[in-house]
Structure formats: structure tokens, C-alpha cells
C-alpha atoms as a PDB file:
ATOM      1  CA  UNK A   1     179.158  29.912 417.171  1.00  0.00           C
ATOM      2  CA  UNK A   2     182.100  30.967 415.025  1.00  0.00           C
ATOM      3  CA  UNK A   3     184.626  28.355 413.873  1.00  0.00           C
ATOM      4  CA  UNK A   4     188.189  29.014 412.859  1.00  0.00           C
ATOM      5  CA  UNK A   5     189.489  27.945 409.469  1.00  0.00           C
ATOM      6  CA  UNK A   6     191.391  25.078 411.127  1.00  0.00           C
ATOM      7  CA  UNK A   7     188.272  23.820 412.885  1.00  0.00           C
ATOM      8  CA  UNK A   8     186.265  23.940 409.653  1.00  0.00           C
ATOM      9  CA  UNK A   9     189.029  22.089 407.786  1.00  0.00           C
ATOM     10  CA  UNK A  10     189.009  19.358 410.416  1.00  0.00           C
ATOM     11  CA  UNK A  11     185.229  18.957 410.140  1.00  0.00           C
ATOM     12  CA  UNK A  12     185.358  18.828 406.340  1.00  0.00           C
ATOM     13  CA  UNK A  13     188.212  16.308 406.470  1.00  0.00           C
ATOM     14  CA  UNK A  14     186.288  14.088 408.853  1.00  0.00           C
ATOM     15  CA  UNK A  15     183.202  14.279 406.604  1.00  0.00           C
ATOM     16  CA  UNK A  16     185.325  13.355 403.568  1.00  0.00           C
ATOM     17  CA  UNK A  17     186.772  10.342 405.373  1.00  0.00           C
ATOM     18  CA  UNK A  18     183.266   9.128 406.153  1.00  0.00           C
ATOM     19  CA  UNK A  19     182.155   9.151 402.497  1.00  0.00           C
ATOM     20  CA  UNK A  20     182.035   5.893 400.569  1.00  0.00           C
ATOM     21  CA  UNK A  21     184.097   5.357 397.441  1.00  0.00           C
ATOM     22  CA  UNK A  22     181.025   5.872 395.263  1.00  0.00           C
ATOM     23  CA  UNK A  23     180.152   9.110 397.080  1.00  0.00           C
ATOM     24  CA  UNK A  24     183.694  10.412 396.504  1.00  0.00           C
ATOM     25  CA  UNK A  25     183.730   9.403 392.820  1.00  0.00           C
ATOM     26  CA  UNK A  26     182.111  12.545 391.301  1.00  0.00           C
ATOM     27  CA  UNK A  27     184.454  14.829 393.249  1.00  0.00           C
ATOM     28  CA  UNK A  28     187.517  12.831 392.280  1.00  0.00           C
ATOM     29  CA  UNK A  29     186.457  12.808 388.617  1.00  0.00           C
ATOM     30  CA  UNK A  30     185.949  16.575 388.691  1.00  0.00           C
ATOM     31  CA  UNK A  31     189.361  17.035 390.319  1.00  0.00           C
ATOM     32  CA  UNK A  32     191.002  14.893 387.636  1.00  0.00           C
ATOM     33  CA  UNK A  33     189.252  16.842 384.878  1.00  0.00           C
ATOM     34  CA  UNK A  34     190.292  20.173 386.425  1.00  0.00           C
ATOM     35  CA  UNK A  35     193.891  19.005 386.839  1.00  0.00           C
ATOM     36  CA  UNK A  36     194.110  18.000 383.177  1.00  0.00           C
ATOM     37  CA  UNK A  37     192.587  21.323 382.103  1.00  0.00           C
ATOM     38  CA  UNK A  38     195.037  23.234 384.296  1.00  0.00           C
ATOM     39  CA  UNK A  39     197.993  21.302 382.856  1.00  0.00           C
ATOM     40  CA  UNK A  40     196.968  22.189 379.294  1.00  0.00           C
ATOM     41  CA  UNK A  41     196.308  25.840 380.142  1.00  0.00           C
ATOM     42  CA  UNK A  42     199.628  26.189 381.954  1.00  0.00           C
ATOM     43  CA  UNK A  43     201.508  24.671 379.009  1.00  0.00           C
ATOM     44  CA  UNK A  44     199.829  27.244 376.746  1.00  0.00           C
ATOM     45  CA  UNK A  45     200.626  30.083 379.163  1.00  0.00           C
ATOM     46  CA  UNK A  46     204.291  29.098 379.230  1.00  0.00           C
ATOM     47  CA  UNK A  47     204.440  29.939 375.511  1.00  0.00           C
ATOM     48  CA  UNK A  48     203.273  33.541 375.990  1.00  0.00           C
ATOM     49  CA  UNK A  49     205.211  36.796 376.229  1.00  0.00           C
ATOM     50  CA  UNK A  50     203.653  37.362 379.654  1.00  0.00           C
ATOM     51  CA  UNK A  51     205.286  34.210 380.985  1.00  0.00           C
ATOM     52  CA  UNK A  52     208.633  35.180 379.451  1.00  0.00           C
ATOM     53  CA  UNK A  53     208.394  38.613 381.070  1.00  0.00           C
ATOM     54  CA  UNK A  54     207.545  37.004 384.406  1.00  0.00           C
ATOM     55  CA  UNK A  55     210.463  34.559 384.270  1.00  0.00           C
ATOM     56  CA  UNK A  56     212.847  37.367 383.279  1.00  0.00           C
ATOM     57  CA  UNK A  57     211.619  39.448 386.212  1.00  0.00           C
ATOM     58  CA  UNK A  58     211.933  36.475 388.565  1.00  0.00           C
ATOM     59  CA  UNK A  59     215.535  35.831 387.517  1.00  0.00           C
ATOM     60  CA  UNK A  60     216.452  39.492 388.094  1.00  0.00           C
ATOM     61  CA  UNK A  61     214.680  39.493 391.450  1.00  0.00           C
ATOM     62  CA  UNK A  62     216.410  36.303 392.620  1.00  0.00           C
ATOM     63  CA  UNK A  63     219.818  37.595 391.515  1.00  0.00           C
ATOM     64  CA  UNK A  64     219.211  40.822 393.437  1.00  0.00           C
ATOM     65  CA  UNK A  65     218.208  38.870 396.539  1.00  0.00           C
ATOM     66  CA  UNK A  66     221.429  36.845 396.348  1.00  0.00           C
ATOM     67  CA  UNK A  67     223.456  40.055 396.152  1.00  0.00           C
ATOM     68  CA  UNK A  68     221.606  41.486 399.124  1.00  0.00           C
ATOM     69  CA  UNK A  69     222.249  38.342 401.165  1.00  0.00           C
ATOM     70  CA  UNK A  70     225.930  38.366 400.225  1.00  0.00           C
ATOM     71  CA  UNK A  71     226.369  42.084 400.986  1.00  0.00           C
ATOM     72  CA  UNK A  72     224.557  41.642 404.294  1.00  0.00           C
ATOM     73  CA  UNK A  73     226.643  38.598 405.209  1.00  0.00           C
ATOM     74  CA  UNK A  74     229.861  40.476 404.466  1.00  0.00           C
ATOM     75  CA  UNK A  75     228.685  43.476 406.487  1.00  0.00           C
ATOM     76  CA  UNK A  76     228.739  45.785 403.468  1.00  0.00           C
ATOM     77  CA  UNK A  77     225.135  46.771 404.098  1.00  0.00           C
ATOM     78  CA  UNK A  78     222.603  46.321 406.853  1.00  0.00           C
ATOM     79  CA  UNK A  79     219.350  44.480 406.069  1.00  0.00           C
ATOM     80  CA  UNK A  80     217.301  47.690 406.249  1.00  0.00           C
ATOM     81  CA  UNK A  81     219.551  49.256 403.596  1.00  0.00           C
ATOM     82  CA  UNK A  82     218.846  46.553 401.013  1.00  0.00           C
ATOM     83  CA  UNK A  83     216.369  48.697 399.059  1.00  0.00           C
ATOM     84  CA  UNK A  84     219.191  51.161 398.278  1.00  0.00           C
ATOM     85  CA  UNK A  85     221.265  48.771 396.157  1.00  0.00           C
END
């Protein structure tokens, strides 16, 4: 029998709901620990040149997308021509 991802998620969710507070405790503690670690690591990453390069790229990309939407809306270009701008 092969289950879909959705079916597996439902079974796992039902199992989680049936756990007691004490049974959930180790998982919740691990999740809290991992969240704190991720927060620290992300703060460190945001100070790197890689992050600056990514944010610069993202700003250029978003600006280009806005131009494409505007040109398409005005009928200057067709959507399939967007790569030519």
C-alpha cells in the first residue's frame, strides 16, 4: 500500500495529537533549541558578503519584474517577450 504525502501528514498529525504533554516535551525542546540556533546563524549570515550579494540580486530582479509587468500592462511587450528586455 502506497500513501500520498497528504495521507502520511494526516496520520502523523493524528499521532501527534494523541501524544501526552510529557511525550511531546522532548520534541518541543528540540524544536526550541533548533529555532534559537537558526536565529543566531541567520543573524550571522546577514552580516556576510554572500547575503549582501543576494539582497542586491533580489532588488535587481524585483525591479526587473515590475518593469516587465508595467510593459506588459501597457501593451509594450507580450509576456513571452519579457526575457528580451
